[in-house]
C-alpha cells in the first residue's frame, strides 16, 4: 500500500513526535508498505515563533499538492496541525479524499502557557482541524476521553513503543564517563525545555544527589541561570542518550500536559524507574494494577514520587516497558488507515488484513 505521511515534525527536530514517526515509518516499511514522508525539509522554512529548534514550511500548498499528485497514495495520514497539516487537509477536502489525523501534542496547553491564548480557543481550532478526518489517532485513553468531552469525533485508540535493543536493560546504574562519578542518586529529565514540560517542578525539588537534564528549548537559558547546579547536557545522539539513561537512578517526568511521554518508556527499558504525577501519559505508560503502578511511582507530590521510585526494582521498570512495541503500534496504525479514494477501499482492506 502507498501511504502518504504529512508531518510538520521531522528530523533534524528532536522530540517524541519525530521519534514516533521515524519508528512508525520503519515498521510500516517492514510490513511491505511504500511510505512517502512529506516534511518541512522539502520546503522553504522559517523558525516557529517562540519555539526555537522547530522550522515550519512557508506557503507549502502548491508544492505539497504536486507531491501528492505525483505519488497518488492509497492512504493519507496527516500527523500534525502545522502549515503542512493544514495544507494537506485543504488538498484532501478539495479533491474529495479521505484521510486520517493524529493528536500527538496538547498544543492548546502550549499556546496557553506561552502566549496566554485561552484553552477554549485552541481546542476550537483543533476541533475544526480534525473534524474533516476519517479517524483521529490518540495515544492514550485519558486523552481520548478528554477530546470526546471537548467535542472531537472519529477518535481511534493508538499507542507507541520503545526500542528495547537501543535502550538496553542495566541491572545497576552505570558510570557515564563524560560526567565522571556523580553524587547519587542521579535524577534525570529528558525532553524539550519548554513551557508544557513543567520542568521547573523537577528543578526546584529539594532532593539529594545530582540532577541531569538532556534537551534544549525556549526556556533553557533562563533555567540554566536559575539552576546552575544542574548538569545540562543539551541534545545528544540517541545511542549516547541511551548511555545517559543507563547512568540514572530515577527518571523524573514533571509534565502534566503530555499525550504520552515516550521518554518514560526509554528510561524504563533501561531499567530506570519513573517518578511522575498521576496524569495522562504516566497513567498510560505506568498503568495501574492491584492499586499500584508498575515501573515507577505516580503521586501528586513529585518529591514523594521521586523517593518512592528509588525503591522500585529496575527489572520491574524493564518488564513494564516490554508491554509496548513499535511493531504493535504500527499494526494498530495500519488498521486505522482509510482508503483515500472509495475505489481503492478493497486494496487498503487487503493490505491491512495481510
C-alpha atoms as a PDB file:
ATOM      1  CA  UNK A   1       0.000   0.000   0.000  1.00  0.00           C
ATOM      2  CA  UNK A   2       1.188   3.521  -0.800  1.00  0.00           C
ATOM      3  CA  UNK A   3       0.914   5.705   2.291  1.00  0.00           C
ATOM      4  CA  UNK A   4       1.474   9.463   2.322  1.00  0.00           C
ATOM      5  CA  UNK A   5       2.564  10.727   5.748  1.00  0.00           C
ATOM      6  CA  UNK A   6       2.432  14.510   6.088  1.00  0.00           C
ATOM      7  CA  UNK A   7       4.147  15.970   9.135  1.00  0.00           C
ATOM      8  CA  UNK A   8       5.475  19.310  10.382  1.00  0.00           C
ATOM      9  CA  UNK A   9       7.675  17.370  12.845  1.00  0.00           C
ATOM     10  CA  UNK A  10      10.595  15.515  11.304  1.00  0.00           C
ATOM     11  CA  UNK A  11      14.351  15.189  11.504  1.00  0.00           C
ATOM     12  CA  UNK A  12      16.543  17.044  12.413  1.00  0.00           C
ATOM     13  CA  UNK A  13      13.988  18.085  15.051  1.00  0.00           C
ATOM     14  CA  UNK A  14      14.426  16.117  18.270  1.00  0.00           C
ATOM     15  CA  UNK A  15      11.221  15.317  20.116  1.00  0.00           C
ATOM     16  CA  UNK A  16       8.836  12.489  20.858  1.00  0.00           C
ATOM     17  CA  UNK A  17       6.671  13.098  17.807  1.00  0.00           C
ATOM     18  CA  UNK A  18       9.667  12.777  15.475  1.00  0.00           C
ATOM     19  CA  UNK A  19      10.852   9.612  17.231  1.00  0.00           C
ATOM     20  CA  UNK A  20       7.359   8.123  16.972  1.00  0.00           C
ATOM     21  CA  UNK A  21       7.013   8.882  13.265  1.00  0.00           C
ATOM     22  CA  UNK A  22      10.511   7.682  12.343  1.00  0.00           C
ATOM     23  CA  UNK A  23       9.902   4.380  14.133  1.00  0.00           C
ATOM     24  CA  UNK A  24       6.427   4.114  12.598  1.00  0.00           C
ATOM     25  CA  UNK A  25       7.751   4.578   9.054  1.00  0.00           C
ATOM     26  CA  UNK A  26      10.420   1.946   9.665  1.00  0.00           C
ATOM     27  CA  UNK A  27       7.846  -0.582  10.877  1.00  0.00           C
ATOM     28  CA  UNK A  28       5.417   0.173   8.041  1.00  0.00           C
ATOM     29  CA  UNK A  29       8.181  -0.410   5.520  1.00  0.00           C
ATOM     30  CA  UNK A  30       8.953  -3.751   7.204  1.00  0.00           C
ATOM     31  CA  UNK A  31       5.293  -4.633   6.668  1.00  0.00           C
ATOM     32  CA  UNK A  32       5.758  -4.025   2.933  1.00  0.00           C
ATOM     33  CA  UNK A  33       4.186  -0.575   2.611  1.00  0.00           C
ATOM     34  CA  UNK A  34       5.612   2.251   0.493  1.00  0.00           C
ATOM     35  CA  UNK A  35       5.684   5.356   2.679  1.00  0.00           C
ATOM     36  CA  UNK A  36       6.221   8.858   1.300  1.00  0.00           C
ATOM     37  CA  UNK A  37       7.032  11.355   4.079  1.00  0.00           C
ATOM     38  CA  UNK A  38       6.243  14.977   3.259  1.00  0.00           C
ATOM     39  CA  UNK A  39       8.093  17.088   5.820  1.00  0.00           C
ATOM     40  CA  UNK A  40       9.446  20.657   6.289  1.00  0.00           C
ATOM     41  CA  UNK A  41      12.864  19.758   4.870  1.00  0.00           C
ATOM     42  CA  UNK A  42      11.276  19.615   1.400  1.00  0.00           C
ATOM     43  CA  UNK A  43      10.138  23.258   1.576  1.00  0.00           C
ATOM     44  CA  UNK A  44      11.382  26.725   2.345  1.00  0.00           C
ATOM     45  CA  UNK A  45      11.091  27.168   6.108  1.00  0.00           C
ATOM     46  CA  UNK A  46      11.220  29.689   8.891  1.00  0.00           C
ATOM     47  CA  UNK A  47      11.644  29.201  12.659  1.00  0.00           C
ATOM     48  CA  UNK A  48       8.485  28.706  14.654  1.00  0.00           C
ATOM     49  CA  UNK A  49       7.871  31.907  16.679  1.00  0.00           C
ATOM     50  CA  UNK A  50       8.691  31.349  20.340  1.00  0.00           C
ATOM     51  CA  UNK A  51       9.743  27.736  19.811  1.00  0.00           C
ATOM     52  CA  UNK A  52      13.398  27.561  18.835  1.00  0.00           C
ATOM     53  CA  UNK A  53      14.523  24.435  17.015  1.00  0.00           C
ATOM     54  CA  UNK A  54      11.246  23.951  15.149  1.00  0.00           C
ATOM     55  CA  UNK A  55      11.193  25.070  11.492  1.00  0.00           C
ATOM     56  CA  UNK A  56       7.869  25.441   9.683  1.00  0.00           C
ATOM     57  CA  UNK A  57       7.178  25.223   5.964  1.00  0.00           C
ATOM     58  CA  UNK A  58       6.366  28.526   4.226  1.00  0.00           C
ATOM     59  CA  UNK A  59       3.351  28.531   1.862  1.00  0.00           C
ATOM     60  CA  UNK A  60       3.563  24.794   1.142  1.00  0.00           C
ATOM     61  CA  UNK A  61       0.165  24.333  -0.533  1.00  0.00           C
ATOM     62  CA  UNK A  62       1.207  24.260  -4.214  1.00  0.00           C
ATOM     63  CA  UNK A  63       4.310  22.081  -3.819  1.00  0.00           C
ATOM     64  CA  UNK A  64       2.566  19.713  -1.434  1.00  0.00           C
ATOM     65  CA  UNK A  65      -0.258  19.303  -3.946  1.00  0.00           C
ATOM     66  CA  UNK A  66       2.235  18.463  -6.673  1.00  0.00           C
ATOM     67  CA  UNK A  67       3.892  15.865  -4.452  1.00  0.00           C
ATOM     68  CA  UNK A  68       0.592  14.164  -3.633  1.00  0.00           C
ATOM     69  CA  UNK A  69      -0.492  14.298  -7.291  1.00  0.00           C
ATOM     70  CA  UNK A  70       2.731  12.558  -8.297  1.00  0.00           C
ATOM     71  CA  UNK A  71       2.609   9.916  -5.541  1.00  0.00           C
ATOM     72  CA  UNK A  72      -1.099   9.017  -5.827  1.00  0.00           C
ATOM     73  CA  UNK A  73      -1.309   7.449  -2.356  1.00  0.00           C
ATOM     74  CA  UNK A  74      -3.772   4.752  -1.364  1.00  0.00           C
ATOM     75  CA  UNK A  75      -3.965   6.225   2.156  1.00  0.00           C
ATOM     76  CA  UNK A  76      -3.152   9.682   3.531  1.00  0.00           C
ATOM     77  CA  UNK A  77      -2.209  10.407   7.141  1.00  0.00           C
ATOM     78  CA  UNK A  78      -1.834  13.980   8.403  1.00  0.00           C
ATOM     79  CA  UNK A  79       0.268  13.718  11.551  1.00  0.00           C
ATOM     80  CA  UNK A  80       0.416  17.330  12.745  1.00  0.00           C
ATOM     81  CA  UNK A  81      -1.629  20.525  12.811  1.00  0.00           C
ATOM     82  CA  UNK A  82       1.052  22.878  11.427  1.00  0.00           C
ATOM     83  CA  UNK A  83       1.319  24.538   7.996  1.00  0.00           C
ATOM     84  CA  UNK A  84       1.868  21.222   6.203  1.00  0.00           C
ATOM     85  CA  UNK A  85      -1.010  19.643   8.083  1.00  0.00           C
ATOM     86  CA  UNK A  86      -3.396  22.430   7.120  1.00  0.00           C
ATOM     87  CA  UNK A  87      -2.199  22.355   3.503  1.00  0.00           C
ATOM     88  CA  UNK A  88      -2.715  18.584   3.311  1.00  0.00           C
ATOM     89  CA  UNK A  89      -6.136  18.885   4.924  1.00  0.00           C
ATOM     90  CA  UNK A  90      -7.140  21.500   2.349  1.00  0.00           C
ATOM     91  CA  UNK A  91      -5.828  19.369  -0.522  1.00  0.00           C
ATOM     92  CA  UNK A  92      -7.829  16.338   0.626  1.00  0.00           C
ATOM     93  CA  UNK A  93     -11.049  18.316   1.061  1.00  0.00           C
ATOM     94  CA  UNK A  94     -10.644  19.973  -2.348  1.00  0.00           C
ATOM     95  CA  UNK A  95     -10.116  16.633  -4.100  1.00  0.00           C
ATOM     96  CA  UNK A  96     -12.698  14.673  -2.104  1.00  0.00           C
ATOM     97  CA  UNK A  97     -10.083  12.423  -0.493  1.00  0.00           C
ATOM     98  CA  UNK A  98     -10.421  10.733   2.874  1.00  0.00           C
ATOM     99  CA  UNK A  99      -7.572  10.926   5.371  1.00  0.00           C
ATOM    100  CA  UNK A 100      -6.649  10.213   8.962  1.00  0.00           C
ATOM    101  CA  UNK A 101      -5.014  12.505  11.522  1.00  0.00           C
ATOM    102  CA  UNK A 102      -3.328  12.159  14.914  1.00  0.00           C
ATOM    103  CA  UNK A 103      -3.416  14.121  18.154  1.00  0.00           C
ATOM    104  CA  UNK A 104       0.218  13.918  19.266  1.00  0.00           C
ATOM    105  CA  UNK A 105       0.610  17.087  21.313  1.00  0.00           C
ATOM    106  CA  UNK A 106      -1.598  19.245  23.524  1.00  0.00           C
ATOM    107  CA  UNK A 107      -0.745  22.399  21.617  1.00  0.00           C
ATOM    108  CA  UNK A 108      -3.680  24.354  23.123  1.00  0.00           C
ATOM    109  CA  UNK A 109      -1.926  23.983  26.507  1.00  0.00           C
ATOM    110  CA  UNK A 110       1.369  25.132  24.965  1.00  0.00           C
ATOM    111  CA  UNK A 111      -0.329  28.163  23.383  1.00  0.00           C
ATOM    112  CA  UNK A 112      -1.966  28.943  26.704  1.00  0.00           C
ATOM    113  CA  UNK A 113       1.319  28.708  28.631  1.00  0.00           C
ATOM    114  CA  UNK A 114       3.415  30.586  26.067  1.00  0.00           C
ATOM    115  CA  UNK A 115       1.003  33.178  24.683  1.00  0.00           C
ATOM    116  CA  UNK A 116      -1.927  33.105  27.150  1.00  0.00           C
ATOM    117  CA  UNK A 117      -4.316  32.043  24.386  1.00  0.00           C
ATOM    118  CA  UNK A 118      -7.432  30.639  26.093  1.00  0.00           C
ATOM    119  CA  UNK A 119      -7.677  26.849  26.028  1.00  0.00           C
ATOM    120  CA  UNK A 120     -11.190  27.049  24.589  1.00  0.00           C
ATOM    121  CA  UNK A 121      -9.876  28.946  21.552  1.00  0.00           C
ATOM    122  CA  UNK A 122      -7.060  26.480  20.966  1.00  0.00           C
ATOM    123  CA  UNK A 123      -9.320  23.447  21.226  1.00  0.00           C
ATOM    124  CA  UNK A 124     -11.938  25.050  18.982  1.00  0.00           C
ATOM    125  CA  UNK A 125      -9.280  25.487  16.286  1.00  0.00           C
ATOM    126  CA  UNK A 126      -8.020  21.922  16.662  1.00  0.00           C
ATOM    127  CA  UNK A 127     -11.559  20.537  16.720  1.00  0.00           C
ATOM    128  CA  UNK A 128     -12.138  22.285  13.389  1.00  0.00           C
ATOM    129  CA  UNK A 129      -8.870  20.864  12.005  1.00  0.00           C
ATOM    130  CA  UNK A 130      -9.719  17.263  12.941  1.00  0.00           C
ATOM    131  CA  UNK A 131     -13.435  17.474  12.066  1.00  0.00           C
ATOM    132  CA  UNK A 132     -12.727  16.514   8.448  1.00  0.00           C
ATOM    133  CA  UNK A 133     -10.638  13.471   9.466  1.00  0.00           C
ATOM    134  CA  UNK A 134     -11.970   9.941   8.983  1.00  0.00           C
ATOM    135  CA  UNK A 135     -10.074   8.840  12.075  1.00  0.00           C
ATOM    136  CA  UNK A 136      -8.150  10.749  14.750  1.00  0.00           C
ATOM    137  CA  UNK A 137      -5.457   8.560  16.326  1.00  0.00           C
ATOM    138  CA  UNK A 138      -4.938   9.249  20.032  1.00  0.00           C
ATOM    139  CA  UNK A 139      -2.133   7.615  22.083  1.00  0.00           C
ATOM    140  CA  UNK A 140      -3.833   7.331  25.489  1.00  0.00           C
ATOM    141  CA  UNK A 141      -7.329   6.555  26.739  1.00  0.00           C
ATOM    142  CA  UNK A 142      -7.216   9.575  29.035  1.00  0.00           C
ATOM    143  CA  UNK A 143      -6.573  11.975  26.163  1.00  0.00           C
ATOM    144  CA  UNK A 144      -9.242  10.206  24.103  1.00  0.00           C
ATOM    145  CA  UNK A 145     -11.827  10.805  26.830  1.00  0.00           C
ATOM    146  CA  UNK A 146     -10.722  14.430  27.177  1.00  0.00           C
ATOM    147  CA  UNK A 147     -11.126  15.022  23.450  1.00  0.00           C
ATOM    148  CA  UNK A 148     -14.528  13.357  23.471  1.00  0.00           C
ATOM    149  CA  UNK A 149     -15.632  15.759  26.187  1.00  0.00           C
ATOM    150  CA  UNK A 150     -14.398  18.655  24.050  1.00  0.00           C
ATOM    151  CA  UNK A 151     -16.485  17.565  21.093  1.00  0.00           C
ATOM    152  CA  UNK A 152     -13.930  15.686  18.974  1.00  0.00           C
ATOM    153  CA  UNK A 153     -15.262  12.787  16.927  1.00  0.00           C
ATOM    154  CA  UNK A 154     -13.929   9.767  14.999  1.00  0.00           C
ATOM    155  CA  UNK A 155     -11.337   9.086  17.715  1.00  0.00           C
ATOM    156  CA  UNK A 156      -9.197   5.955  17.448  1.00  0.00           C
ATOM    157  CA  UNK A 157      -7.145   4.462  20.278  1.00  0.00           C
ATOM    158  CA  UNK A 158      -3.468   4.113  19.325  1.00  0.00           C
ATOM    159  CA  UNK A 159      -0.230   3.619  21.294  1.00  0.00           C
ATOM    160  CA  UNK A 160       3.539   3.942  20.989  1.00  0.00           C
ATOM    161  CA  UNK A 161       6.522   1.662  21.502  1.00  0.00           C
ATOM    162  CA  UNK A 162      10.176   1.630  22.513  1.00  0.00           C
ATOM    163  CA  UNK A 163      13.395   0.265  21.039  1.00  0.00           C
ATOM    164  CA  UNK A 164      14.374  -2.203  23.755  1.00  0.00           C
ATOM    165  CA  UNK A 165      17.644  -3.070  21.999  1.00  0.00           C
ATOM    166  CA  UNK A 166      18.902   0.511  21.830  1.00  0.00           C
ATOM    167  CA  UNK A 167      17.722   1.195  25.377  1.00  0.00           C
ATOM    168  CA  UNK A 168      19.150  -1.978  26.869  1.00  0.00           C
ATOM    169  CA  UNK A 169      18.459  -3.121  30.402  1.00  0.00           C
ATOM    170  CA  UNK A 170      21.055  -2.212  33.029  1.00  0.00           C
ATOM    171  CA  UNK A 171      20.553  -4.041  36.351  1.00  0.00           C
ATOM    172  CA  UNK A 172      22.636  -1.363  38.104  1.00  0.00           C
ATOM    173  CA  UNK A 173      23.247   2.308  37.216  1.00  0.00           C
ATOM    174  CA  UNK A 174      26.362   2.633  35.098  1.00  0.00           C
ATOM    175  CA  UNK A 175      29.088   5.267  35.001  1.00  0.00           C
ATOM    176  CA  UNK A 176      28.691   7.875  32.267  1.00  0.00           C
ATOM    177  CA  UNK A 177      32.352   8.725  31.519  1.00  0.00           C
ATOM    178  CA  UNK A 178      31.843  12.281  30.136  1.00  0.00           C
ATOM    179  CA  UNK A 179      30.493  13.340  33.547  1.00  0.00           C
ATOM    180  CA  UNK A 180      32.734  11.200  35.727  1.00  0.00           C
ATOM    181  CA  UNK A 181      31.494   9.957  39.077  1.00  0.00           C
ATOM    182  CA  UNK A 182      28.295  11.698  40.109  1.00  0.00           C
ATOM    183  CA  UNK A 183      26.834  12.125  43.558  1.00  0.00           C
ATOM    184  CA  UNK A 184      23.937   9.698  43.803  1.00  0.00           C
ATOM    185  CA  UNK A 185      21.095   9.275  43.417  1.00  0.00           C
ATOM    186  CA  UNK A 186      21.128  10.632  39.846  1.00  0.00           C
ATOM    187  CA  UNK A 187      17.781  12.112  38.798  1.00  0.00           C
ATOM    188  CA  UNK A 188      17.282  12.524  35.054  1.00  0.00           C
ATOM    189  CA  UNK A 189      14.965  14.564  32.827  1.00  0.00           C
ATOM    190  CA  UNK A 190      14.915  14.165  29.040  1.00  0.00           C
ATOM    191  CA  UNK A 191      12.773  16.352  26.792  1.00  0.00           C
ATOM    192  CA  UNK A 192      12.135  19.768  25.344  1.00  0.00           C
ATOM    193  CA  UNK A 193      12.979  22.537  27.795  1.00  0.00           C
ATOM    194  CA  UNK A 194       9.718  24.259  27.094  1.00  0.00           C
ATOM    195  CA  UNK A 195       6.558  25.637  28.657  1.00  0.00           C
ATOM    196  CA  UNK A 196       4.480  22.459  28.570  1.00  0.00           C
ATOM    197  CA  UNK A 197       7.096  20.264  30.269  1.00  0.00           C
ATOM    198  CA  UNK A 198       6.695  21.845  33.726  1.00  0.00           C
ATOM    199  CA  UNK A 199      10.418  21.192  34.203  1.00  0.00           C
ATOM    200  CA  UNK A 200      10.680  23.812  36.966  1.00  0.00           C
ATOM    201  CA  UNK A 201       8.749  21.417  39.230  1.00  0.00           C
ATOM    202  CA  UNK A 202      11.671  18.989  38.924  1.00  0.00           C
ATOM    203  CA  UNK A 203      14.497  21.502  39.101  1.00  0.00           C
ATOM    204  CA  UNK A 204      13.281  23.127  42.322  1.00  0.00           C
ATOM    205  CA  UNK A 205      12.888  19.830  44.202  1.00  0.00           C
ATOM    206  CA  UNK A 206      14.986  19.642  47.339  1.00  0.00           C
ATOM    207  CA  UNK A 207      16.321  16.133  46.844  1.00  0.00           C
ATOM    208  CA  UNK A 208      19.852  14.745  47.338  1.00  0.00           C
ATOM    209  CA  UNK A 209      22.223  13.679  44.584  1.00  0.00           C
ATOM    210  CA  UNK A 210      22.697  15.016  41.044  1.00  0.00           C
ATOM    211  CA  UNK A 211      20.157  16.336  38.558  1.00  0.00           C
ATOM    212  CA  UNK A 212      20.757  15.793  34.833  1.00  0.00           C
ATOM    213  CA  UNK A 213      18.825  17.463  32.017  1.00  0.00           C
ATOM    214  CA  UNK A 214      19.011  16.375  28.373  1.00  0.00           C
ATOM    215  CA  UNK A 215      17.339  18.650  25.851  1.00  0.00           C
ATOM    216  CA  UNK A 216      17.060  22.155  24.513  1.00  0.00           C
ATOM    217  CA  UNK A 217      14.226  24.623  24.175  1.00  0.00           C
ATOM    218  CA  UNK A 218      12.966  28.167  24.660  1.00  0.00           C
ATOM    219  CA  UNK A 219      13.317  28.136  28.478  1.00  0.00           C
ATOM    220  CA  UNK A 220      16.843  26.730  28.502  1.00  0.00           C
ATOM    221  CA  UNK A 221      18.790  29.958  29.053  1.00  0.00           C
ATOM    222  CA  UNK A 222      16.622  31.230  31.903  1.00  0.00           C
ATOM    223  CA  UNK A 223      16.544  27.867  33.683  1.00  0.00           C
ATOM    224  CA  UNK A 224      20.307  27.410  33.369  1.00  0.00           C
ATOM    225  CA  UNK A 225      20.767  30.755  35.066  1.00  0.00           C
ATOM    226  CA  UNK A 226      18.351  29.876  37.887  1.00  0.00           C
ATOM    227  CA  UNK A 227      19.698  26.345  38.445  1.00  0.00           C
ATOM    228  CA  UNK A 228      23.467  26.392  37.855  1.00  0.00           C
ATOM    229  CA  UNK A 229      23.967  23.263  39.992  1.00  0.00           C
ATOM    230  CA  UNK A 230      22.108  21.141  37.427  1.00  0.00           C
ATOM    231  CA  UNK A 231      24.175  19.309  34.807  1.00  0.00           C
ATOM    232  CA  UNK A 232      22.867  20.455  31.411  1.00  0.00           C
ATOM    233  CA  UNK A 233      23.726  18.036  28.604  1.00  0.00           C
ATOM    234  CA  UNK A 234      21.892  19.546  25.625  1.00  0.00           C
ATOM    235  CA  UNK A 235      20.731  17.308  22.764  1.00  0.00           C
ATOM    236  CA  UNK A 236      22.561  14.002  22.423  1.00  0.00           C
ATOM    237  CA  UNK A 237      22.547  11.343  19.679  1.00  0.00           C
ATOM    238  CA  UNK A 238      20.219   8.517  20.615  1.00  0.00           C
ATOM    239  CA  UNK A 239      22.979   5.987  21.189  1.00  0.00           C
ATOM    240  CA  UNK A 240      24.666   8.466  23.551  1.00  0.00           C
ATOM    241  CA  UNK A 241      21.340   9.212  25.202  1.00  0.00           C
ATOM    242  CA  UNK A 242      20.961   5.521  25.989  1.00  0.00           C
ATOM    243  CA  UNK A 243      24.208   5.729  27.980  1.00  0.00           C
ATOM    244  CA  UNK A 244      22.812   8.658  29.986  1.00  0.00           C
ATOM    245  CA  UNK A 245      19.637   6.723  30.797  1.00  0.00           C
ATOM    246  CA  UNK A 246      21.824   3.833  31.952  1.00  0.00           C
ATOM    247  CA  UNK A 247      23.584   6.140  34.430  1.00  0.00           C
ATOM    248  CA  UNK A 248      20.392   7.332  36.150  1.00  0.00           C
ATOM    249  CA  UNK A 249      18.792   6.094  39.364  1.00  0.00           C
ATOM    250  CA  UNK A 250      15.388   7.675  38.721  1.00  0.00           C
ATOM    251  CA  UNK A 251      13.721   9.356  35.759  1.00  0.00           C
ATOM    252  CA  UNK A 252      11.625  12.378  36.715  1.00  0.00           C
ATOM    253  CA  UNK A 253       8.707  13.257  34.444  1.00  0.00           C
ATOM    254  CA  UNK A 254       7.149  16.507  35.727  1.00  0.00           C
ATOM    255  CA  UNK A 255       4.841  17.300  32.789  1.00  0.00           C
ATOM    256  CA  UNK A 256       1.100  17.488  33.358  1.00  0.00           C
ATOM    257  CA  UNK A 257       0.132  18.057  29.716  1.00  0.00           C
ATOM    258  CA  UNK A 258       1.592  15.123  27.782  1.00  0.00           C
ATOM    259  CA  UNK A 259      -0.383  12.931  25.424  1.00  0.00           C
ATOM    260  CA  UNK A 260       2.001  10.020  26.059  1.00  0.00           C
ATOM    261  CA  UNK A 261       5.586  10.632  27.203  1.00  0.00           C
ATOM    262  CA  UNK A 262       7.804   8.379  25.114  1.00  0.00           C
ATOM    263  CA  UNK A 263      10.893   9.189  27.186  1.00  0.00           C
ATOM    264  CA  UNK A 264       9.385   7.334  30.132  1.00  0.00           C
ATOM    265  CA  UNK A 265       9.413   4.125  28.102  1.00  0.00           C
ATOM    266  CA  UNK A 266      13.029   4.706  27.085  1.00  0.00           C
ATOM    267  CA  UNK A 267      14.023   5.160  30.730  1.00  0.00           C
ATOM    268  CA  UNK A 268      12.090   2.108  31.869  1.00  0.00           C
ATOM    269  CA  UNK A 269      13.556  -0.051  29.096  1.00  0.00           C
ATOM    270  CA  UNK A 270      16.974   0.902  30.506  1.00  0.00           C
ATOM    271  CA  UNK A 271      15.837  -0.201  33.961  1.00  0.00           C
ATOM    272  CA  UNK A 272      15.262   3.306  35.339  1.00  0.00           C
ATOM    273  CA  UNK A 273      12.047   3.719  37.373  1.00  0.00           C
ATOM    274  CA  UNK A 274       9.890   6.776  36.729  1.00  0.00           C
ATOM    275  CA  UNK A 275       8.596   9.431  39.127  1.00  0.00           C
ATOM    276  CA  UNK A 276       5.599  11.330  37.765  1.00  0.00           C
ATOM    277  CA  UNK A 277       2.291  12.987  38.501  1.00  0.00           C
ATOM    278  CA  UNK A 278      -0.853  10.816  38.123  1.00  0.00           C
ATOM    279  CA  UNK A 279      -1.945  12.433  34.843  1.00  0.00           C
ATOM    280  CA  UNK A 280      -2.402  11.469  31.179  1.00  0.00           C
ATOM    281  CA  UNK A 281       0.770   9.946  29.849  1.00  0.00           C
ATOM    282  CA  UNK A 282       2.104   8.436  33.079  1.00  0.00           C
ATOM    283  CA  UNK A 283      -1.272   6.819  33.737  1.00  0.00           C
ATOM    284  CA  UNK A 284      -0.995   5.049  30.380  1.00  0.00           C
ATOM    285  CA  UNK A 285       2.728   4.263  30.453  1.00  0.00           C
ATOM    286  CA  UNK A 286       2.996   3.165  34.086  1.00  0.00           C
ATOM    287  CA  UNK A 287      -0.527   1.842  34.295  1.00  0.00           C
ATOM    288  CA  UNK A 288      -2.161   0.656  37.485  1.00  0.00           C
ATOM    289  CA  UNK A 289      -2.785  -2.865  38.685  1.00  0.00           C
ATOM    290  CA  UNK A 290      -3.799  -4.013  42.146  1.00  0.00           C
ATOM    291  CA  UNK A 291      -3.787  -0.387  43.248  1.00  0.00           C
ATOM    292  CA  UNK A 292      -0.191   0.365  42.238  1.00  0.00           C
ATOM    293  CA  UNK A 293       1.695   1.468  39.169  1.00  0.00           C
ATOM    294  CA  UNK A 294       4.412  -0.615  37.535  1.00  0.00           C
ATOM    295  CA  UNK A 295       7.842   0.618  36.553  1.00  0.00           C
ATOM    296  CA  UNK A 296       7.638   3.737  38.676  1.00  0.00           C
ATOM    297  CA  UNK A 297       5.560   5.800  41.068  1.00  0.00           C
ATOM    298  CA  UNK A 298       2.884   8.417  40.444  1.00  0.00           C
ATOM    299  CA  UNK A 299       1.981  10.877  43.178  1.00  0.00           C
ATOM    300  CA  UNK A 300       0.580  14.408  43.461  1.00  0.00           C
ATOM    301  CA  UNK A 301       3.731  15.243  45.461  1.00  0.00           C
ATOM    302  CA  UNK A 302       6.578  14.859  42.953  1.00  0.00           C
ATOM    303  CA  UNK A 303       9.193  14.744  45.704  1.00  0.00           C
ATOM    304  CA  UNK A 304       7.389  11.810  47.307  1.00  0.00           C
ATOM    305  CA  UNK A 305       7.218  10.096  43.909  1.00  0.00           C
ATOM    306  CA  UNK A 306      10.998  10.523  43.474  1.00  0.00           C
ATOM    307  CA  UNK A 307      11.851   8.922  46.814  1.00  0.00           C
ATOM    308  CA  UNK A 308       9.363   6.104  46.296  1.00  0.00           C
ATOM    309  CA  UNK A 309      10.534   5.412  42.739  1.00  0.00           C
ATOM    310  CA  UNK A 310      14.079   4.809  44.002  1.00  0.00           C
ATOM    311  CA  UNK A 311      12.737   1.708  45.755  1.00  0.00           C
ATOM    312  CA  UNK A 312      11.206   0.252  42.569  1.00  0.00           C
ATOM    313  CA  UNK A 313      13.279  -2.703  41.289  1.00  0.00           C
ATOM    314  CA  UNK A 314      14.983  -1.908  37.994  1.00  0.00           C
ATOM    315  CA  UNK A 315      13.855  -5.207  36.476  1.00  0.00           C
ATOM    316  CA  UNK A 316      10.251  -4.189  37.144  1.00  0.00           C
ATOM    317  CA  UNK A 317      10.706  -0.982  35.145  1.00  0.00           C
ATOM    318  CA  UNK A 318      12.188  -3.006  32.275  1.00  0.00           C
ATOM    319  CA  UNK A 319       9.354  -5.534  32.396  1.00  0.00           C
ATOM    320  CA  UNK A 320       6.720  -2.810  32.090  1.00  0.00           C
ATOM    321  CA  UNK A 321       8.449  -1.323  29.030  1.00  0.00           C
ATOM    322  CA  UNK A 322       8.174  -4.682  27.257  1.00  0.00           C
ATOM    323  CA  UNK A 323       4.394  -4.231  27.145  1.00  0.00           C
ATOM    324  CA  UNK A 324       4.969  -1.657  24.392  1.00  0.00           C
ATOM    325  CA  UNK A 325       6.395  -2.345  20.937  1.00  0.00           C
ATOM    326  CA  UNK A 326       6.692  -0.390  17.701  1.00  0.00           C
ATOM    327  CA  UNK A 327       5.540  -3.434  15.743  1.00  0.00           C
ATOM    328  CA  UNK A 328       2.241  -3.455  17.667  1.00  0.00           C
ATOM    329  CA  UNK A 329       1.886   0.329  17.298  1.00  0.00           C
ATOM    330  CA  UNK A 330       2.408   0.057  13.526  1.00  0.00           C
ATOM    331  CA  UNK A 331      -0.214  -2.674  13.230  1.00  0.00           C
ATOM    332  CA  UNK A 332      -2.737  -0.513  15.091  1.00  0.00           C
ATOM    333  CA  UNK A 333      -1.879   2.451  12.870  1.00  0.00           C
ATOM    334  CA  UNK A 334      -2.266   0.301   9.748  1.00  0.00           C
ATOM    335  CA  UNK A 335      -5.682  -0.832  10.922  1.00  0.00           C
ATOM    336  CA  UNK A 336      -6.887   2.744  11.437  1.00  0.00           C
ATOM    337  CA  UNK A 337      -5.948   3.929   7.935  1.00  0.00           C
ATOM    338  CA  UNK A 338      -8.733   4.591   5.427  1.00  0.00           C
ATOM    339  CA  UNK A 339      -8.759   4.424   1.636  1.00  0.00           C
ATOM    340  CA  UNK A 340      -8.120   7.885   0.216  1.00  0.00           C
ATOM    341  CA  UNK A 341     -10.451   7.074  -2.675  1.00  0.00           C
ATOM    342  CA  UNK A 342     -13.504   4.884  -2.394  1.00  0.00           C
ATOM    343  CA  UNK A 343     -12.427   2.710  -5.322  1.00  0.00           C
ATOM    344  CA  UNK A 344      -9.169   1.799  -3.501  1.00  0.00           C
ATOM    345  CA  UNK A 345     -11.001   0.652  -0.372  1.00  0.00           C
ATOM    346  CA  UNK A 346     -10.634  -3.022  -1.212  1.00  0.00           C
ATOM    347  CA  UNK A 347      -6.884  -2.572  -1.774  1.00  0.00           C
ATOM    348  CA  UNK A 348      -6.411  -0.935   1.647  1.00  0.00           C
ATOM    349  CA  UNK A 349      -8.519  -3.625   3.324  1.00  0.00           C
ATOM    350  CA  UNK A 350      -6.448  -6.378   1.776  1.00  0.00           C
ATOM    351  CA  UNK A 351      -3.188  -4.678   2.771  1.00  0.00           C
ATOM    352  CA  UNK A 352      -4.380  -4.330   6.362  1.00  0.00           C
ATOM    353  CA  UNK A 353      -5.540  -7.942   6.509  1.00  0.00           C
ATOM    354  CA  UNK A 354      -2.089  -9.096   5.329  1.00  0.00           C
END
